[in-house]
Amino acid sequence: MINDPAIDEIRQIRHNISAEFDHDPKKLYSYYKQVEDKLRSTGKYIFWDNGPKMVKSSLHPS
């Protein structure tokens, strides 16, 4: 595996942020949601708001 210093730095930063929230997914999600809301409110960034769509399958009738 090729060692990429930029990727290593990103991973370390992500790990440090996670550690600030005790590696708790709910706390981490809340933090990232607050960051997202703050960035959205500036109007400087474009966000993709189309989430995944449910597809009806003939294999699993409802």
PDB file of N, CA and C in Angstrom:
ATOM      1  N   MET A   1       0.840  -1.175   0.000  1.00  0.00           N
ATOM      2  CA  MET A   1       0.000   0.000   0.000  1.00  0.00           C
ATOM      3  C   MET A   1       0.890   1.245   0.000  1.00  0.00           C
ATOM      4  N   ILE A   2       0.544   2.193  -0.848  1.00  0.00           N
ATOM      5  CA  ILE A   2       1.304   3.427  -0.947  1.00  0.00           C
ATOM      6  C   ILE A   2       0.911   4.347   0.208  1.00  0.00           C
ATOM      7  N   ASN A   3       1.912   4.898   0.856  1.00  0.00           N
ATOM      8  CA  ASN A   3       1.666   5.802   1.972  1.00  0.00           C
ATOM      9  C   ASN A   3       1.549   7.229   1.429  1.00  0.00           C
ATOM     10  N   ASP A   4       0.402   7.848   1.624  1.00  0.00           N
ATOM     11  CA  ASP A   4       0.163   9.209   1.143  1.00  0.00           C
ATOM     12  C   ASP A   4       0.057  10.132   2.355  1.00  0.00           C
ATOM     13  N   PRO A   5       1.001  11.047   2.524  1.00  0.00           N
ATOM     14  CA  PRO A   5       0.993  11.932   3.692  1.00  0.00           C
ATOM     15  C   PRO A   5      -0.291  12.749   3.827  1.00  0.00           C
ATOM     16  N   ALA A   6      -0.874  13.175   2.715  1.00  0.00           N
ATOM     17  CA  ALA A   6      -2.111  13.969   2.785  1.00  0.00           C
ATOM     18  C   ALA A   6      -3.252  13.127   3.344  1.00  0.00           C
ATOM     19  N   ILE A   7      -3.357  11.877   2.885  1.00  0.00           N
ATOM     20  CA  ILE A   7      -4.408  10.979   3.384  1.00  0.00           C
ATOM     21  C   ILE A   7      -4.167  10.672   4.857  1.00  0.00           C
ATOM     22  N   ASP A   8      -2.922  10.434   5.224  1.00  0.00           N
ATOM     23  CA  ASP A   8      -2.600  10.181   6.634  1.00  0.00           C
ATOM     24  C   ASP A   8      -2.996  11.365   7.510  1.00  0.00           C
ATOM     25  N   GLU A   9      -2.750  12.572   7.023  1.00  0.00           N
ATOM     26  CA  GLU A   9      -3.110  13.772   7.783  1.00  0.00           C
ATOM     27  C   GLU A   9      -4.623  13.888   7.937  1.00  0.00           C
ATOM     28  N   ILE A  10      -5.356  13.630   6.870  1.00  0.00           N
ATOM     29  CA  ILE A  10      -6.822  13.677   6.929  1.00  0.00           C
ATOM     30  C   ILE A  10      -7.343  12.650   7.922  1.00  0.00           C
ATOM     31  N   ARG A  11      -6.803  11.447   7.877  1.00  0.00           N
ATOM     32  CA  ARG A  11      -7.236  10.400   8.818  1.00  0.00           C
ATOM     33  C   ARG A  11      -6.950  10.797  10.258  1.00  0.00           C
ATOM     34  N   GLN A  12      -5.798  11.402  10.492  1.00  0.00           N
ATOM     35  CA  GLN A  12      -5.446  11.830  11.848  1.00  0.00           C
ATOM     36  C   GLN A  12      -6.392  12.922  12.333  1.00  0.00           C
ATOM     37  N   ILE A  13      -6.700  13.871  11.469  1.00  0.00           N
ATOM     38  CA  ILE A  13      -7.634  14.946  11.833  1.00  0.00           C
ATOM     39  C   ILE A  13      -9.000  14.363  12.153  1.00  0.00           C
ATOM     40  N   ARG A  14      -9.483  13.446  11.302  1.00  0.00           N
ATOM     41  CA  ARG A  14     -10.787  12.821  11.549  1.00  0.00           C
ATOM     42  C   ARG A  14     -10.783  12.050  12.866  1.00  0.00           C
ATOM     43  N   HIS A  15      -9.689  11.356  13.148  1.00  0.00           N
ATOM     44  CA  HIS A  15      -9.583  10.613  14.405  1.00  0.00           C
ATOM     45  C   HIS A  15      -9.600  11.574  15.595  1.00  0.00           C
ATOM     46  N   ASN A  16      -8.885  12.688  15.477  1.00  0.00           N
ATOM     47  CA  ASN A  16      -8.852  13.670  16.570  1.00  0.00           C
ATOM     48  C   ASN A  16     -10.234  14.266  16.827  1.00  0.00           C
ATOM     49  N   ILE A  17     -10.956  14.579  15.760  1.00  0.00           N
ATOM     50  CA  ILE A  17     -12.314  15.111  15.924  1.00  0.00           C
ATOM     51  C   ILE A  17     -13.192  14.065  16.596  1.00  0.00           C
ATOM     52  N   SER A  18     -13.094  12.823  16.152  1.00  0.00           N
ATOM     53  CA  SER A  18     -13.879  11.749  16.757  1.00  0.00           C
ATOM     54  C   SER A  18     -13.546  11.594  18.240  1.00  0.00           C
ATOM     55  N   ALA A  19     -12.281  11.691  18.575  1.00  0.00           N
ATOM     56  CA  ALA A  19     -11.855  11.555  19.971  1.00  0.00           C
ATOM     57  C   ALA A  19     -12.449  12.655  20.847  1.00  0.00           C
ATOM     58  N   GLU A  20     -12.614  13.861  20.288  1.00  0.00           N
ATOM     59  CA  GLU A  20     -13.217  14.960  21.051  1.00  0.00           C
ATOM     60  C   GLU A  20     -14.632  14.614  21.508  1.00  0.00           C
ATOM     61  N   PHE A  21     -15.282  13.709  20.786  1.00  0.00           N
ATOM     62  CA  PHE A  21     -16.656  13.328  21.101  1.00  0.00           C
ATOM     63  C   PHE A  21     -16.726  11.883  21.587  1.00  0.00           C
ATOM     64  N   ASP A  22     -15.626  11.427  22.191  1.00  0.00           N
ATOM     65  CA  ASP A  22     -15.532  10.091  22.789  1.00  0.00           C
ATOM     66  C   ASP A  22     -15.853   8.986  21.783  1.00  0.00           C
ATOM     67  N   HIS A  23     -15.609   9.232  20.519  1.00  0.00           N
ATOM     68  CA  HIS A  23     -15.878   8.271  19.441  1.00  0.00           C
ATOM     69  C   HIS A  23     -17.335   7.802  19.462  1.00  0.00           C
ATOM     70  N   ASP A  24     -18.214   8.665  19.947  1.00  0.00           N
ATOM     71  CA  ASP A  24     -19.654   8.370  20.023  1.00  0.00           C
ATOM     72  C   ASP A  24     -20.309   8.836  18.718  1.00  0.00           C
ATOM     73  N   PRO A  25     -20.855   7.906  17.924  1.00  0.00           N
ATOM     74  CA  PRO A  25     -21.436   8.286  16.631  1.00  0.00           C
ATOM     75  C   PRO A  25     -22.537   9.338  16.730  1.00  0.00           C
ATOM     76  N   LYS A  26     -23.352   9.277  17.769  1.00  0.00           N
ATOM     77  CA  LYS A  26     -24.437  10.256  17.909  1.00  0.00           C
ATOM     78  C   LYS A  26     -23.883  11.651  18.176  1.00  0.00           C
ATOM     79  N   LYS A  27     -22.895  11.742  19.056  1.00  0.00           N
ATOM     80  CA  LYS A  27     -22.273  13.037  19.347  1.00  0.00           C
ATOM     81  C   LYS A  27     -21.542  13.568  18.115  1.00  0.00           C
ATOM     82  N   LEU A  28     -20.874  12.673  17.412  1.00  0.00           N
ATOM     83  CA  LEU A  28     -20.126  13.071  16.223  1.00  0.00           C
ATOM     84  C   LEU A  28     -21.070  13.556  15.131  1.00  0.00           C
ATOM     85  N   TYR A  29     -22.180  12.839  14.939  1.00  0.00           N
ATOM     86  CA  TYR A  29     -23.174  13.264  13.947  1.00  0.00           C
ATOM     87  C   TYR A  29     -23.710  14.654  14.301  1.00  0.00           C
ATOM     88  N   SER A  30     -24.016  14.860  15.571  1.00  0.00           N
ATOM     89  CA  SER A  30     -24.539  16.149  16.018  1.00  0.00           C
ATOM     90  C   SER A  30     -23.536  17.268  15.718  1.00  0.00           C
ATOM     91  N   TYR A  31     -22.269  17.010  15.980  1.00  0.00           N
ATOM     92  CA  TYR A  31     -21.226  18.000  15.697  1.00  0.00           C
ATOM     93  C   TYR A  31     -21.177  18.318  14.205  1.00  0.00           C
ATOM     94  N   TYR A  32     -21.133  17.280  13.371  1.00  0.00           N
ATOM     95  CA  TYR A  32     -21.051  17.508  11.924  1.00  0.00           C
ATOM     96  C   TYR A  32     -22.308  18.189  11.398  1.00  0.00           C
ATOM     97  N   LYS A  33     -23.454  17.896  11.988  1.00  0.00           N
ATOM     98  CA  LYS A  33     -24.699  18.551  11.578  1.00  0.00           C
ATOM     99  C   LYS A  33     -24.632  20.042  11.913  1.00  0.00           C
ATOM    100  N   GLN A  34     -24.094  20.388  13.076  1.00  0.00           N
ATOM    101  CA  GLN A  34     -23.936  21.800  13.443  1.00  0.00           C
ATOM    102  C   GLN A  34     -22.988  22.513  12.482  1.00  0.00           C
ATOM    103  N   VAL A  35     -21.903  21.837  12.114  1.00  0.00           N
ATOM    104  CA  VAL A  35     -20.959  22.417  11.146  1.00  0.00           C
ATOM    105  C   VAL A  35     -21.661  22.631   9.813  1.00  0.00           C
ATOM    106  N   GLU A  36     -22.427  21.629   9.377  1.00  0.00           N
ATOM    107  CA  GLU A  36     -23.165  21.749   8.115  1.00  0.00           C
ATOM    108  C   GLU A  36     -24.132  22.928   8.156  1.00  0.00           C
ATOM    109  N   ASP A  37     -24.905  23.024   9.225  1.00  0.00           N
ATOM    110  CA  ASP A  37     -25.878  24.119   9.346  1.00  0.00           C
ATOM    111  C   ASP A  37     -25.184  25.481   9.302  1.00  0.00           C
ATOM    112  N   LYS A  38     -24.041  25.580   9.969  1.00  0.00           N
ATOM    113  CA  LYS A  38     -23.290  26.842   9.974  1.00  0.00           C
ATOM    114  C   LYS A  38     -22.799  27.178   8.561  1.00  0.00           C
ATOM    115  N   LEU A  39     -22.270  26.185   7.862  1.00  0.00           N
ATOM    116  CA  LEU A  39     -21.792  26.417   6.499  1.00  0.00           C
ATOM    117  C   LEU A  39     -22.939  26.765   5.555  1.00  0.00           C
ATOM    118  N   ARG A  40     -24.085  26.097   5.722  1.00  0.00           N
ATOM    119  CA  ARG A  40     -25.249  26.397   4.882  1.00  0.00           C
ATOM    120  C   ARG A  40     -25.696  27.845   5.077  1.00  0.00           C
ATOM    121  N   SER A  41     -25.666  28.305   6.314  1.00  0.00           N
ATOM    122  CA  SER A  41     -26.174  29.646   6.621  1.00  0.00           C
ATOM    123  C   SER A  41     -25.319  30.754   6.002  1.00  0.00           C
ATOM    124  N   THR A  42     -24.079  30.443   5.633  1.00  0.00           N
ATOM    125  CA  THR A  42     -23.220  31.465   5.026  1.00  0.00           C
ATOM    126  C   THR A  42     -23.602  31.731   3.577  1.00  0.00           C
ATOM    127  N   GLY A  43     -24.218  30.755   2.924  1.00  0.00           N
ATOM    128  CA  GLY A  43     -24.566  30.901   1.518  1.00  0.00           C
ATOM    129  C   GLY A  43     -23.382  30.748   0.573  1.00  0.00           C
ATOM    130  N   LYS A  44     -22.216  30.431   1.091  1.00  0.00           N
ATOM    131  CA  LYS A  44     -21.011  30.304   0.267  1.00  0.00           C
ATOM    132  C   LYS A  44     -20.884  28.932  -0.393  1.00  0.00           C
ATOM    133  N   TYR A  45     -21.614  27.962   0.116  1.00  0.00           N
ATOM    134  CA  TYR A  45     -21.414  26.589  -0.322  1.00  0.00           C
ATOM    135  C   TYR A  45     -22.694  26.021  -0.914  1.00  0.00           C
ATOM    136  N   ILE A  46     -22.521  25.074  -1.814  1.00  0.00           N
ATOM    137  CA  ILE A  46     -23.657  24.385  -2.422  1.00  0.00           C
ATOM    138  C   ILE A  46     -23.705  22.976  -1.834  1.00  0.00           C
ATOM    139  N   PHE A  47     -24.878  22.572  -1.403  1.00  0.00           N
ATOM    140  CA  PHE A  47     -25.056  21.250  -0.819  1.00  0.00           C
ATOM    141  C   PHE A  47     -25.972  20.418  -1.697  1.00  0.00           C
ATOM    142  N   TRP A  48     -25.701  19.135  -1.768  1.00  0.00           N
ATOM    143  CA  TRP A  48     -26.539  18.210  -2.512  1.00  0.00           C
ATOM    144  C   TRP A  48     -27.588  17.682  -1.546  1.00  0.00           C
ATOM    145  N   ASP A  49     -28.847  17.989  -1.798  1.00  0.00           N
ATOM    146  CA  ASP A  49     -29.916  17.621  -0.876  1.00  0.00           C
ATOM    147  C   ASP A  49     -30.734  16.421  -1.325  1.00  0.00           C
ATOM    148  N   ASN A  50     -30.374  15.799  -2.415  1.00  0.00           N
ATOM    149  CA  ASN A  50     -31.135  14.644  -2.891  1.00  0.00           C
ATOM    150  C   ASN A  50     -30.583  13.382  -2.252  1.00  0.00           C
ATOM    151  N   GLY A  51     -31.265  12.911  -1.243  1.00  0.00           N
ATOM    152  CA  GLY A  51     -30.825  11.706  -0.567  1.00  0.00           C
ATOM    153  C   GLY A  51     -31.219  10.464  -1.340  1.00  0.00           C
ATOM    154  N   PRO A  52     -30.933   9.313  -0.779  1.00  0.00           N
ATOM    155  CA  PRO A  52     -31.280   8.066  -1.453  1.00  0.00           C
ATOM    156  C   PRO A  52     -32.790   7.935  -1.602  1.00  0.00           C
ATOM    157  N   LYS A  53     -33.203   7.290  -2.670  1.00  0.00           N
ATOM    158  CA  LYS A  53     -34.626   7.102  -2.931  1.00  0.00           C
ATOM    159  C   LYS A  53     -34.989   5.639  -2.751  1.00  0.00           C
ATOM    160  N   MET A  54     -36.176   5.404  -2.234  1.00  0.00           N
ATOM    161  CA  MET A  54     -36.669   4.041  -2.067  1.00  0.00           C
ATOM    162  C   MET A  54     -37.092   3.502  -3.429  1.00  0.00           C
ATOM    163  N   VAL A  55     -36.711   2.291  -3.703  1.00  0.00           N
ATOM    164  CA  VAL A  55     -37.078   1.643  -4.957  1.00  0.00           C
ATOM    165  C   VAL A  55     -37.918   0.430  -4.614  1.00  0.00           C
ATOM    166  N   LYS A  56     -39.090   0.340  -5.239  1.00  0.00           N
ATOM    167  CA  LYS A  56     -39.933  -0.822  -4.993  1.00  0.00           C
ATOM    168  C   LYS A  56     -39.359  -2.003  -5.753  1.00  0.00           C
ATOM    169  N   SER A  57     -39.291  -3.107  -5.095  1.00  0.00           N
ATOM    170  CA  SER A  57     -38.731  -4.307  -5.699  1.00  0.00           C
ATOM    171  C   SER A  57     -39.817  -5.352  -5.863  1.00  0.00           C
ATOM    172  N   SER A  58     -39.815  -5.999  -7.013  1.00  0.00           N
ATOM    173  CA  SER A  58     -40.785  -7.076  -7.231  1.00  0.00           C
ATOM    174  C   SER A  58     -40.400  -8.307  -6.424  1.00  0.00           C
ATOM    175  N   LEU A  59     -39.167  -8.338  -5.924  1.00  0.00           N
ATOM    176  CA  LEU A  59     -38.709  -9.475  -5.130  1.00  0.00           C
ATOM    177  C   LEU A  59     -39.282  -9.458  -3.720  1.00  0.00           C
ATOM    178  N   HIS A  60     -39.615  -8.274  -3.247  1.00  0.00           N
ATOM    179  CA  HIS A  60     -40.132  -8.126  -1.888  1.00  0.00           C
ATOM    180  C   HIS A  60     -41.421  -7.311  -1.924  1.00  0.00           C
ATOM    181  N   PRO A  61     -42.532  -7.932  -2.306  1.00  0.00           N
ATOM    182  CA  PRO A  61     -43.787  -7.171  -2.362  1.00  0.00           C
ATOM    183  C   PRO A  61     -44.194  -6.688  -0.975  1.00  0.00           C
ATOM    184  N   SER A  62     -44.796  -5.521  -0.952  1.00  0.00           N
ATOM    185  CA  SER A  62     -45.184  -4.949   0.342  1.00  0.00           C
ATOM    186  C   SER A  62     -46.520  -5.431   0.813  1.00  0.00           C
TER     187      SER A  62
END
